[in-house]
PDB file of N, CA and C in Angstrom:
ATOM      1  N   UNK A   1     116.146 111.365   9.455  1.00  0.00           N
ATOM      2  CA  UNK A   1     116.617 110.697  10.640  1.00  0.00           C
ATOM      3  C   UNK A   1     118.058 111.128  10.903  1.00  0.00           C
ATOM      4  N   UNK A   2     118.339 111.481  12.127  1.00  0.00           N
ATOM      5  CA  UNK A   2     119.692 111.894  12.513  1.00  0.00           C
ATOM      6  C   UNK A   2     120.507 110.688  12.911  1.00  0.00           C
ATOM      7  N   UNK A   3     121.721 110.637  12.458  1.00  0.00           N
ATOM      8  CA  UNK A   3     122.591 109.522  12.816  1.00  0.00           C
ATOM      9  C   UNK A   3     123.720 110.002  13.698  1.00  0.00           C
ATOM     10  N   UNK A   4     124.159 109.112  14.520  1.00  0.00           N
ATOM     11  CA  UNK A   4     125.242 109.385  15.450  1.00  0.00           C
ATOM     12  C   UNK A   4     126.510 108.755  14.893  1.00  0.00           C
ATOM     13  N   UNK A   5     127.578 109.502  14.806  1.00  0.00           N
ATOM     14  CA  UNK A   5     128.834 108.967  14.304  1.00  0.00           C
ATOM     15  C   UNK A   5     129.888 109.036  15.395  1.00  0.00           C
ATOM     16  N   UNK A   6     130.685 108.014  15.486  1.00  0.00           N
ATOM     17  CA  UNK A   6     131.746 107.951  16.482  1.00  0.00           C
ATOM     18  C   UNK A   6     133.044 107.644  15.753  1.00  0.00           C
ATOM     19  N   UNK A   7     133.903 108.635  15.618  1.00  0.00           N
ATOM     20  CA  UNK A   7     135.196 108.437  14.975  1.00  0.00           C
ATOM     21  C   UNK A   7     136.283 108.543  16.022  1.00  0.00           C
ATOM     22  N   UNK A   8     137.001 107.467  16.253  1.00  0.00           N
ATOM     23  CA  UNK A   8     137.974 107.448  17.340  1.00  0.00           C
ATOM     24  C   UNK A   8     139.307 106.882  16.880  1.00  0.00           C
ATOM     25  N   UNK A   9     140.363 107.410  17.459  1.00  0.00           N
ATOM     26  CA  UNK A   9     141.700 106.848  17.319  1.00  0.00           C
ATOM     27  C   UNK A   9     142.115 106.431  18.720  1.00  0.00           C
ATOM     28  N   UNK A  10     142.716 105.290  18.854  1.00  0.00           N
ATOM     29  CA  UNK A  10     143.094 104.789  20.172  1.00  0.00           C
ATOM     30  C   UNK A  10     144.567 105.011  20.455  1.00  0.00           C
ATOM     31  N   UNK A  11     144.839 105.411  21.680  1.00  0.00           N
ATOM     32  CA  UNK A  11     146.211 105.571  22.141  1.00  0.00           C
ATOM     33  C   UNK A  11     146.325 104.830  23.463  1.00  0.00           C
ATOM     34  N   UNK A  12     147.292 103.946  23.579  1.00  0.00           N
ATOM     35  CA  UNK A  12     147.519 103.215  24.817  1.00  0.00           C
ATOM     36  C   UNK A  12     148.517 104.002  25.649  1.00  0.00           C
ATOM     37  N   UNK A  13     148.124 104.357  26.861  1.00  0.00           N
ATOM     38  CA  UNK A  13     148.973 105.188  27.700  1.00  0.00           C
ATOM     39  C   UNK A  13     149.266 104.529  29.028  1.00  0.00           C
ATOM     40  N   UNK A  14     150.482 104.633  29.483  1.00  0.00           N
ATOM     41  CA  UNK A  14     150.818 104.202  30.833  1.00  0.00           C
ATOM     42  C   UNK A  14     150.403 105.332  31.765  1.00  0.00           C
ATOM     43  N   UNK A  15     149.816 104.975  32.885  1.00  0.00           N
ATOM     44  CA  UNK A  15     149.362 105.978  33.837  1.00  0.00           C
ATOM     45  C   UNK A  15     149.992 105.716  35.185  1.00  0.00           C
ATOM     46  N   UNK A  16     150.012 106.697  36.076  1.00  0.00           N
ATOM     47  CA  UNK A  16     150.612 106.501  37.391  1.00  0.00           C
ATOM     48  C   UNK A  16     149.978 105.341  38.160  1.00  0.00           C
ATOM     49  N   UNK A  17     150.705 104.781  39.096  1.00  0.00           N
ATOM     50  CA  UNK A  17     150.255 103.609  39.851  1.00  0.00           C
ATOM     51  C   UNK A  17     148.960 103.846  40.610  1.00  0.00           C
ATOM     52  N   UNK A  18     148.641 105.081  40.948  1.00  0.00           N
ATOM     53  CA  UNK A  18     147.435 105.358  41.703  1.00  0.00           C
ATOM     54  C   UNK A  18     146.196 105.458  40.827  1.00  0.00           C
ATOM     55  N   UNK A  19     146.354 105.360  39.533  1.00  0.00           N
ATOM     56  CA  UNK A  19     145.232 105.490  38.612  1.00  0.00           C
ATOM     57  C   UNK A  19     144.734 104.111  38.184  1.00  0.00           C
ATOM     58  N   UNK A  20     143.425 103.939  38.121  1.00  0.00           N
ATOM     59  CA  UNK A  20     142.837 102.663  37.714  1.00  0.00           C
ATOM     60  C   UNK A  20     142.851 102.546  36.190  1.00  0.00           C
ATOM     61  N   UNK A  21     142.968 101.328  35.652  1.00  0.00           N
ATOM     62  CA  UNK A  21     142.908 101.146  34.199  1.00  0.00           C
ATOM     63  C   UNK A  21     141.502 101.479  33.705  1.00  0.00           C
ATOM     64  N   UNK A  22     141.420 102.182  32.580  1.00  0.00           N
ATOM     65  CA  UNK A  22     140.119 102.622  32.091  1.00  0.00           C
ATOM     66  C   UNK A  22     140.147 102.852  30.587  1.00  0.00           C
ATOM     67  N   UNK A  23     138.958 102.990  30.013  1.00  0.00           N
ATOM     68  CA  UNK A  23     138.774 103.398  28.627  1.00  0.00           C
ATOM     69  C   UNK A  23     138.068 104.741  28.682  1.00  0.00           C
ATOM     70  N   UNK A  24     138.581 105.734  27.957  1.00  0.00           N
ATOM     71  CA  UNK A  24     137.943 107.045  27.953  1.00  0.00           C
ATOM     72  C   UNK A  24     138.237 107.780  26.656  1.00  0.00           C
ATOM     73  N   UNK A  25     137.495 108.848  26.427  1.00  0.00           N
ATOM     74  CA  UNK A  25     137.740 109.703  25.265  1.00  0.00           C
ATOM     75  C   UNK A  25     138.776 110.747  25.634  1.00  0.00           C
ATOM     76  N   UNK A  26     139.616 111.092  24.711  1.00  0.00           N
ATOM     77  CA  UNK A  26     140.587 112.159  24.913  1.00  0.00           C
ATOM     78  C   UNK A  26     139.907 113.476  24.559  1.00  0.00           C
ATOM     79  N   UNK A  27     139.736 114.337  25.529  1.00  0.00           N
ATOM     80  CA  UNK A  27     139.083 115.621  25.276  1.00  0.00           C
ATOM     81  C   UNK A  27     137.586 115.470  25.172  1.00  0.00           C
ATOM     82  N   UNK A  28     137.096 114.985  24.037  1.00  0.00           N
ATOM     83  CA  UNK A  28     135.672 114.728  23.887  1.00  0.00           C
ATOM     84  C   UNK A  28     135.442 113.723  22.775  1.00  0.00           C
ATOM     85  N   UNK A  29     134.318 113.014  22.865  1.00  0.00           N
ATOM     86  CA  UNK A  29     133.888 112.126  21.786  1.00  0.00           C
ATOM     87  C   UNK A  29     132.946 112.875  20.859  1.00  0.00           C
ATOM     88  N   UNK A  30     132.111 113.706  21.458  1.00  0.00           N
ATOM     89  CA  UNK A  30     131.123 114.462  20.704  1.00  0.00           C
ATOM     90  C   UNK A  30     131.164 115.919  21.125  1.00  0.00           C
ATOM     91  N   UNK A  31     131.037 116.835  20.163  1.00  0.00           N
ATOM     92  CA  UNK A  31     131.059 118.256  20.497  1.00  0.00           C
ATOM     93  C   UNK A  31     129.771 118.704  21.176  1.00  0.00           C
ATOM     94  N   UNK A  32     129.851 119.848  21.826  1.00  0.00           N
ATOM     95  CA  UNK A  32     128.690 120.438  22.484  1.00  0.00           C
ATOM     96  C   UNK A  32     127.532 120.513  21.501  1.00  0.00           C
ATOM     97  N   UNK A  33     126.332 120.256  21.998  1.00  0.00           N
ATOM     98  CA  UNK A  33     125.139 120.323  21.164  1.00  0.00           C
ATOM     99  C   UNK A  33     124.754 119.000  20.533  1.00  0.00           C
ATOM    100  N   UNK A  34     125.642 118.017  20.562  1.00  0.00           N
ATOM    101  CA  UNK A  34     125.320 116.699  20.025  1.00  0.00           C
ATOM    102  C   UNK A  34     124.393 115.991  21.000  1.00  0.00           C
ATOM    103  N   UNK A  35     123.389 115.334  20.476  1.00  0.00           N
ATOM    104  CA  UNK A  35     122.452 114.638  21.343  1.00  0.00           C
ATOM    105  C   UNK A  35     122.918 113.203  21.561  1.00  0.00           C
ATOM    106  N   UNK A  36     123.658 113.005  22.636  1.00  0.00           N
ATOM    107  CA  UNK A  36     124.147 111.680  23.015  1.00  0.00           C
ATOM    108  C   UNK A  36     123.531 111.329  24.362  1.00  0.00           C
ATOM    109  N   UNK A  37     122.805 110.217  24.389  1.00  0.00           N
ATOM    110  CA  UNK A  37     122.174 109.782  25.633  1.00  0.00           C
ATOM    111  C   UNK A  37     123.098 108.906  26.464  1.00  0.00           C
ATOM    112  N   UNK A  38     124.113 108.332  25.837  1.00  0.00           N
ATOM    113  CA  UNK A  38     125.053 107.474  26.544  1.00  0.00           C
ATOM    114  C   UNK A  38     125.938 106.727  25.573  1.00  0.00           C
ATOM    115  N   UNK A  39     126.653 105.764  26.117  1.00  0.00           N
ATOM    116  CA  UNK A  39     127.558 104.946  25.330  1.00  0.00           C
ATOM    117  C   UNK A  39     127.347 103.488  25.695  1.00  0.00           C
ATOM    118  N   UNK A  40     127.793 102.598  24.826  1.00  0.00           N
ATOM    119  CA  UNK A  40     127.816 101.169  25.103  1.00  0.00           C
ATOM    120  C   UNK A  40     129.226 100.696  24.813  1.00  0.00           C
ATOM    121  N   UNK A  41     129.717  99.808  25.658  1.00  0.00           N
ATOM    122  CA  UNK A  41     131.061  99.264  25.475  1.00  0.00           C
ATOM    123  C   UNK A  41     131.026  97.776  25.780  1.00  0.00           C
ATOM    124  N   UNK A  42     131.852  97.030  25.082  1.00  0.00           N
ATOM    125  CA  UNK A  42     132.032  95.616  25.424  1.00  0.00           C
ATOM    126  C   UNK A  42     133.494  95.268  25.269  1.00  0.00           C
ATOM    127  N   UNK A  43     133.941  94.412  26.150  1.00  0.00           N
ATOM    128  CA  UNK A  43     135.334  93.978  26.181  1.00  0.00           C
ATOM    129  C   UNK A  43     135.370  92.471  25.938  1.00  0.00           C
ATOM    130  N   UNK A  44     136.261  92.029  25.050  1.00  0.00           N
ATOM    131  CA  UNK A  44     136.464  90.601  24.753  1.00  0.00           C
ATOM    132  C   UNK A  44     135.174  89.882  24.382  1.00  0.00           C
ATOM    133  N   UNK A  45     134.368  90.486  23.528  1.00  0.00           N
ATOM    134  CA  UNK A  45     133.114  89.887  23.055  1.00  0.00           C
ATOM    135  C   UNK A  45     132.122  89.584  24.176  1.00  0.00           C
ATOM    136  N   UNK A  46     132.260  90.279  25.298  1.00  0.00           N
ATOM    137  CA  UNK A  46     131.302  90.127  26.387  1.00  0.00           C
ATOM    138  C   UNK A  46     130.015  90.864  26.053  1.00  0.00           C
ATOM    139  N   UNK A  47     129.179  91.012  27.044  1.00  0.00           N
ATOM    140  CA  UNK A  47     127.911  91.713  26.869  1.00  0.00           C
ATOM    141  C   UNK A  47     128.153  93.215  26.750  1.00  0.00           C
ATOM    142  N   UNK A  48     127.280  93.901  26.027  1.00  0.00           N
ATOM    143  CA  UNK A  48     127.339  95.358  25.969  1.00  0.00           C
ATOM    144  C   UNK A  48     126.996  95.926  27.328  1.00  0.00           C
ATOM    145  N   UNK A  49     127.747  96.920  27.763  1.00  0.00           N
ATOM    146  CA  UNK A  49     127.536  97.579  29.052  1.00  0.00           C
ATOM    147  C   UNK A  49     127.218  99.047  28.780  1.00  0.00           C
ATOM    148  N   UNK A  50     126.165  99.557  29.413  1.00  0.00           N
ATOM    149  CA  UNK A  50     125.812 100.972  29.275  1.00  0.00           C
ATOM    150  C   UNK A  50     126.769 101.829  30.093  1.00  0.00           C
ATOM    151  N   UNK A  51     127.225 102.927  29.499  1.00  0.00           N
ATOM    152  CA  UNK A  51     128.115 103.869  30.171  1.00  0.00           C
ATOM    153  C   UNK A  51     127.495 105.258  30.047  1.00  0.00           C
ATOM    154  N   UNK A  52     127.345 105.928  31.167  1.00  0.00           N
ATOM    155  CA  UNK A  52     126.737 107.256  31.174  1.00  0.00           C
ATOM    156  C   UNK A  52     127.647 108.278  30.508  1.00  0.00           C
ATOM    157  N   UNK A  53     127.065 109.240  29.805  1.00  0.00           N
ATOM    158  CA  UNK A  53     127.879 110.302  29.222  1.00  0.00           C
ATOM    159  C   UNK A  53     128.348 111.265  30.304  1.00  0.00           C
ATOM    160  N   UNK A  54     129.493 111.875  30.064  1.00  0.00           N
ATOM    161  CA  UNK A  54     130.015 112.915  30.953  1.00  0.00           C
ATOM    162  C   UNK A  54     129.990 114.214  30.152  1.00  0.00           C
ATOM    163  N   UNK A  55     129.168 115.161  30.593  1.00  0.00           N
ATOM    164  CA  UNK A  55     129.092 116.451  29.917  1.00  0.00           C
ATOM    165  C   UNK A  55     130.058 117.398  30.615  1.00  0.00           C
ATOM    166  N   UNK A  56     131.045 117.864  29.873  1.00  0.00           N
ATOM    167  CA  UNK A  56     132.052 118.759  30.425  1.00  0.00           C
ATOM    168  C   UNK A  56     131.509 120.185  30.523  1.00  0.00           C
ATOM    169  N   UNK A  57     132.217 121.046  31.210  1.00  0.00           N
ATOM    170  CA  UNK A  57     131.795 122.437  31.401  1.00  0.00           C
ATOM    171  C   UNK A  57     131.572 123.158  30.071  1.00  0.00           C
ATOM    172  N   UNK A  58     132.352 122.807  29.038  1.00  0.00           N
ATOM    173  CA  UNK A  58     132.189 123.454  27.736  1.00  0.00           C
ATOM    174  C   UNK A  58     131.107 122.801  26.879  1.00  0.00           C
ATOM    175  N   UNK A  59     130.420 121.773  27.425  1.00  0.00           N
ATOM    176  CA  UNK A  59     129.339 121.104  26.709  1.00  0.00           C
ATOM    177  C   UNK A  59     129.765 119.894  25.907  1.00  0.00           C
ATOM    178  N   UNK A  60     131.071 119.695  25.717  1.00  0.00           N
ATOM    179  CA  UNK A  60     131.542 118.504  25.018  1.00  0.00           C
ATOM    180  C   UNK A  60     131.205 117.262  25.832  1.00  0.00           C
ATOM    181  N   UNK A  61     131.019 116.142  25.136  1.00  0.00           N
ATOM    182  CA  UNK A  61     130.556 114.921  25.781  1.00  0.00           C
ATOM    183  C   UNK A  61     131.597 113.820  25.628  1.00  0.00           C
ATOM    184  N   UNK A  62     131.914 113.141  26.736  1.00  0.00           N
ATOM    185  CA  UNK A  62     132.811 111.998  26.691  1.00  0.00           C
ATOM    186  C   UNK A  62     132.337 110.932  27.674  1.00  0.00           C
ATOM    187  N   UNK A  63     133.174 109.947  27.944  1.00  0.00           N
ATOM    188  CA  UNK A  63     132.819 108.888  28.884  1.00  0.00           C
ATOM    189  C   UNK A  63     134.080 108.337  29.538  1.00  0.00           C
ATOM    190  N   UNK A  64     133.881 107.579  30.608  1.00  0.00           N
ATOM    191  CA  UNK A  64     134.968 106.896  31.302  1.00  0.00           C
ATOM    192  C   UNK A  64     134.446 105.531  31.728  1.00  0.00           C
ATOM    193  N   UNK A  65     135.161 104.464  31.344  1.00  0.00           N
ATOM    194  CA  UNK A  65     134.771 103.100  31.703  1.00  0.00           C
ATOM    195  C   UNK A  65     135.924 102.446  32.456  1.00  0.00           C
ATOM    196  N   UNK A  66     135.674 102.033  33.675  1.00  0.00           N
ATOM    197  CA  UNK A  66     136.681 101.437  34.554  1.00  0.00           C
ATOM    198  C   UNK A  66     136.901  99.968  34.191  1.00  0.00           C
ATOM    199  N   UNK A  67     138.126  99.609  33.834  1.00  0.00           N
ATOM    200  CA  UNK A  67     138.461  98.227  33.485  1.00  0.00           C
ATOM    201  C   UNK A  67     138.819  97.370  34.708  1.00  0.00           C
ATOM    202  N   UNK A  68     139.140  97.996  35.830  1.00  0.00           N
ATOM    203  CA  UNK A  68     139.618  97.257  37.005  1.00  0.00           C
ATOM    204  C   UNK A  68     138.687  96.123  37.451  1.00  0.00           C
ATOM    205  N   UNK A  69     137.362  96.340  37.527  1.00  0.00           N
ATOM    206  CA  UNK A  69     136.488  95.257  37.992  1.00  0.00           C
ATOM    207  C   UNK A  69     136.481  94.013  37.096  1.00  0.00           C
ATOM    208  N   UNK A  70     136.971  94.146  35.865  1.00  0.00           N
ATOM    209  CA  UNK A  70     136.984  93.000  34.952  1.00  0.00           C
ATOM    210  C   UNK A  70     138.088  92.009  35.274  1.00  0.00           C
ATOM    211  N   UNK A  71     139.086  92.434  36.057  1.00  0.00           N
ATOM    212  CA  UNK A  71     140.213  91.556  36.398  1.00  0.00           C
ATOM    213  C   UNK A  71     140.770  90.853  35.164  1.00  0.00           C
ATOM    214  N   UNK A  72     141.101  91.621  34.162  1.00  0.00           N
ATOM    215  CA  UNK A  72     141.580  91.055  32.907  1.00  0.00           C
ATOM    216  C   UNK A  72     142.920  90.352  33.086  1.00  0.00           C
ATOM    217  N   UNK A  73     143.051  89.210  32.434  1.00  0.00           N
ATOM    218  CA  UNK A  73     144.302  88.453  32.470  1.00  0.00           C
ATOM    219  C   UNK A  73     145.346  89.171  31.608  1.00  0.00           C
ATOM    220  N   UNK A  74     146.607  88.881  31.858  1.00  0.00           N
ATOM    221  CA  UNK A  74     147.662  89.405  30.999  1.00  0.00           C
ATOM    222  C   UNK A  74     147.442  88.879  29.591  1.00  0.00           C
ATOM    223  N   UNK A  75     147.748  89.711  28.610  1.00  0.00           N
ATOM    224  CA  UNK A  75     147.602  89.295  27.218  1.00  0.00           C
ATOM    225  C   UNK A  75     146.807  90.301  26.410  1.00  0.00           C
ATOM    226  N   UNK A  76     146.475  89.890  25.186  1.00  0.00           N
ATOM    227  CA  UNK A  76     145.748  90.752  24.258  1.00  0.00           C
ATOM    228  C   UNK A  76     144.252  90.736  24.557  1.00  0.00           C
ATOM    229  N   UNK A  77     143.628  91.888  24.378  1.00  0.00           N
ATOM    230  CA  UNK A  77     142.194  92.036  24.607  1.00  0.00           C
ATOM    231  C   UNK A  77     141.607  92.891  23.495  1.00  0.00           C
ATOM    232  N   UNK A  78     140.317  92.753  23.272  1.00  0.00           N
ATOM    233  CA  UNK A  78     139.618  93.549  22.268  1.00  0.00           C
ATOM    234  C   UNK A  78     138.440  94.262  22.921  1.00  0.00           C
ATOM    235  N   UNK A  79     137.971  95.286  22.251  1.00  0.00           N
ATOM    236  CA  UNK A  79     136.806  96.000  22.748  1.00  0.00           C
ATOM    237  C   UNK A  79     136.115  96.736  21.620  1.00  0.00           C
ATOM    238  N   UNK A  80     134.907  97.193  21.907  1.00  0.00           N
ATOM    239  CA  UNK A  80     134.137  98.013  20.980  1.00  0.00           C
ATOM    240  C   UNK A  80     133.389  99.045  21.800  1.00  0.00           C
ATOM    241  N   UNK A  81     133.200 100.225  21.217  1.00  0.00           N
ATOM    242  CA  UNK A  81     132.429 101.276  21.877  1.00  0.00           C
ATOM    243  C   UNK A  81     131.556 101.946  20.827  1.00  0.00           C
ATOM    244  N   UNK A  82     130.380 102.413  21.246  1.00  0.00           N
ATOM    245  CA  UNK A  82     129.492 103.142  20.347  1.00  0.00           C
ATOM    246  C   UNK A  82     128.652 104.131  21.137  1.00  0.00           C
ATOM    247  N   UNK A  83     128.254 105.195  20.469  1.00  0.00           N
ATOM    248  CA  UNK A  83     127.378 106.189  21.063  1.00  0.00           C
ATOM    249  C   UNK A  83     125.924 105.795  20.841  1.00  0.00           C
ATOM    250  N   UNK A  84     125.047 106.257  21.749  1.00  0.00           N
ATOM    251  CA  UNK A  84     123.628 105.909  21.675  1.00  0.00           C
ATOM    252  C   UNK A  84     122.797 107.168  21.891  1.00  0.00           C
ATOM    253  N   UNK A  85     121.731 107.315  21.088  1.00  0.00           N
ATOM    254  CA  UNK A  85     120.748 108.358  21.357  1.00  0.00           C
ATOM    255  C   UNK A  85     119.373 107.846  20.952  1.00  0.00           C
ATOM    256  N   UNK A  86     118.359 108.703  21.007  1.00  0.00           N
ATOM    257  CA  UNK A  86     116.994 108.258  20.751  1.00  0.00           C
ATOM    258  C   UNK A  86     116.782 107.779  19.319  1.00  0.00           C
ATOM    259  N   UNK A  87     117.689 108.113  18.394  1.00  0.00           N
ATOM    260  CA  UNK A  87     117.563 107.676  17.016  1.00  0.00           C
ATOM    261  C   UNK A  87     118.302 106.371  16.728  1.00  0.00           C
ATOM    262  N   UNK A  88     119.052 105.898  17.689  1.00  0.00           N
ATOM    263  CA  UNK A  88     119.765 104.641  17.486  1.00  0.00           C
ATOM    264  C   UNK A  88     121.175 104.684  18.013  1.00  0.00           C
ATOM    265  N   UNK A  89     122.046 103.920  17.361  1.00  0.00           N
ATOM    266  CA  UNK A  89     123.425 103.775  17.803  1.00  0.00           C
ATOM    267  C   UNK A  89     124.379 104.135  16.674  1.00  0.00           C
ATOM    268  N   UNK A  90     125.542 104.641  17.045  1.00  0.00           N
ATOM    269  CA  UNK A  90     126.578 104.922  16.056  1.00  0.00           C
ATOM    270  C   UNK A  90     127.206 103.606  15.616  1.00  0.00           C
ATOM    271  N   UNK A  91     127.948 103.620  14.525  1.00  0.00           N
ATOM    272  CA  UNK A  91     128.738 102.435  14.196  1.00  0.00           C
ATOM    273  C   UNK A  91     129.726 102.172  15.336  1.00  0.00           C
ATOM    274  N   UNK A  92     130.088 100.929  15.515  1.00  0.00           N
ATOM    275  CA  UNK A  92     131.027 100.601  16.588  1.00  0.00           C
ATOM    276  C   UNK A  92     132.439 101.029  16.202  1.00  0.00           C
ATOM    277  N   UNK A  93     133.201 101.390  17.213  1.00  0.00           N
ATOM    278  CA  UNK A  93     134.607 101.731  17.051  1.00  0.00           C
ATOM    279  C   UNK A  93     135.404 100.644  17.775  1.00  0.00           C
ATOM    280  N   UNK A  94     135.976  99.695  17.035  1.00  0.00           N
ATOM    281  CA  UNK A  94     136.739  98.617  17.667  1.00  0.00           C
ATOM    282  C   UNK A  94     138.116  99.100  18.118  1.00  0.00           C
ATOM    283  N   UNK A  95     138.660  98.448  19.138  1.00  0.00           N
ATOM    284  CA  UNK A  95     140.008  98.747  19.600  1.00  0.00           C
ATOM    285  C   UNK A  95     140.616  97.496  20.212  1.00  0.00           C
ATOM    286  N   UNK A  96     141.941  97.472  20.309  1.00  0.00           N
ATOM    287  CA  UNK A  96     142.656  96.371  20.948  1.00  0.00           C
ATOM    288  C   UNK A  96     143.637  96.958  21.946  1.00  0.00           C
ATOM    289  N   UNK A  97     143.989  96.170  22.933  1.00  0.00           N
ATOM    290  CA  UNK A  97     144.996  96.589  23.899  1.00  0.00           C
ATOM    291  C   UNK A  97     145.620  95.351  24.519  1.00  0.00           C
ATOM    292  N   UNK A  98     146.775  95.531  25.130  1.00  0.00           N
ATOM    293  CA  UNK A  98     147.490  94.420  25.756  1.00  0.00           C
ATOM    294  C   UNK A  98     147.727  94.755  27.219  1.00  0.00           C
ATOM    295  N   UNK A  99     147.408  93.813  28.079  1.00  0.00           N
ATOM    296  CA  UNK A  99     147.700  93.957  29.501  1.00  0.00           C
ATOM    297  C   UNK A  99     148.876  93.049  29.808  1.00  0.00           C
ATOM    298  N   UNK A 100     149.875  93.610  30.465  1.00  0.00           N
ATOM    299  CA  UNK A 100     151.035  92.810  30.838  1.00  0.00           C
ATOM    300  C   UNK A 100     151.436  93.149  32.259  1.00  0.00           C
ATOM    301  N   UNK A 101     152.219  92.280  32.854  1.00  0.00           N
ATOM    302  CA  UNK A 101     152.654  92.484  34.237  1.00  0.00           C
ATOM    303  C   UNK A 101     153.441  93.791  34.368  1.00  0.00           C
ATOM    304  N   UNK A 102     154.193  94.165  33.336  1.00  0.00           N
ATOM    305  CA  UNK A 102     154.987  95.386  33.397  1.00  0.00           C
ATOM    306  C   UNK A 102     154.145  96.649  33.226  1.00  0.00           C
ATOM    307  N   UNK A 103     153.008  96.513  32.576  1.00  0.00           N
ATOM    308  CA  UNK A 103     152.145  97.672  32.342  1.00  0.00           C
ATOM    309  C   UNK A 103     150.739  97.371  32.836  1.00  0.00           C
ATOM    310  N   UNK A 104     150.655  96.807  34.031  1.00  0.00           N
ATOM    311  CA  UNK A 104     149.356  96.379  34.552  1.00  0.00           C
ATOM    312  C   UNK A 104     148.387  97.531  34.712  1.00  0.00           C
ATOM    313  N   UNK A 105     148.878  98.719  35.027  1.00  0.00           N
ATOM    314  CA  UNK A 105     147.997  99.864  35.212  1.00  0.00           C
ATOM    315  C   UNK A 105     148.071 100.763  33.992  1.00  0.00           C
ATOM    316  N   UNK A 106     147.352 100.359  32.972  1.00  0.00           N
ATOM    317  CA  UNK A 106     147.348 101.073  31.703  1.00  0.00           C
ATOM    318  C   UNK A 106     145.920 101.459  31.350  1.00  0.00           C
ATOM    319  N   UNK A 107     145.756 102.614  30.790  1.00  0.00           N
ATOM    320  CA  UNK A 107     144.444 103.067  30.344  1.00  0.00           C
ATOM    321  C   UNK A 107     144.435 103.184  28.838  1.00  0.00           C
ATOM    322  N   UNK A 108     143.257 103.135  28.286  1.00  0.00           N
ATOM    323  CA  UNK A 108     143.067 103.339  26.874  1.00  0.00           C
ATOM    324  C   UNK A 108     142.381 104.669  26.707  1.00  0.00           C
ATOM    325  N   UNK A 109     142.988 105.554  25.973  1.00  0.00           N
ATOM    326  CA  UNK A 109     142.405 106.865  25.766  1.00  0.00           C
ATOM    327  C   UNK A 109     141.949 106.949  24.318  1.00  0.00           C
ATOM    328  N   UNK A 110     140.672 107.226  24.085  1.00  0.00           N
ATOM    329  CA  UNK A 110     140.123 107.353  22.748  1.00  0.00           C
ATOM    330  C   UNK A 110     140.223 108.815  22.317  1.00  0.00           C
ATOM    331  N   UNK A 111     140.769 109.029  21.135  1.00  0.00           N
ATOM    332  CA  UNK A 111     141.013 110.377  20.656  1.00  0.00           C
ATOM    333  C   UNK A 111     140.179 110.607  19.404  1.00  0.00           C
ATOM    334  N   UNK A 112     139.467 111.742  19.343  1.00  0.00           N
ATOM    335  CA  UNK A 112     138.670 112.068  18.167  1.00  0.00           C
ATOM    336  C   UNK A 112     139.580 112.245  16.966  1.00  0.00           C
ATOM    337  N   UNK A 113     139.174 111.699  15.824  1.00  0.00           N
ATOM    338  CA  UNK A 113     139.977 111.932  14.615  1.00  0.00           C
ATOM    339  C   UNK A 113     139.286 112.885  13.700  1.00  0.00           C
TER     340      UNK A 113
END
């Protein structure tokens, strides 16, 4: 049985005012040739949400999840993300972030370790 592994390091980045807050992989989550059918993410112990994979021109696979529709309050927040394929799900990769009035437009970039 093939297993899916998701190893991520989180970096909180300030982004320009025209950019929406989001969670994404830096570069790629999975290298070309990896069989990833999608991702699941949840914020603040909410329900798991399916996120479609983005296959880049070089075949590497990542994702982008828009946080704006959640209308998150200022303060600390938690999240988890995992990869999914026909054999199951990867272990979850937990992360935390803080939303504040001074950094309201902030994205979370997940970086492969």
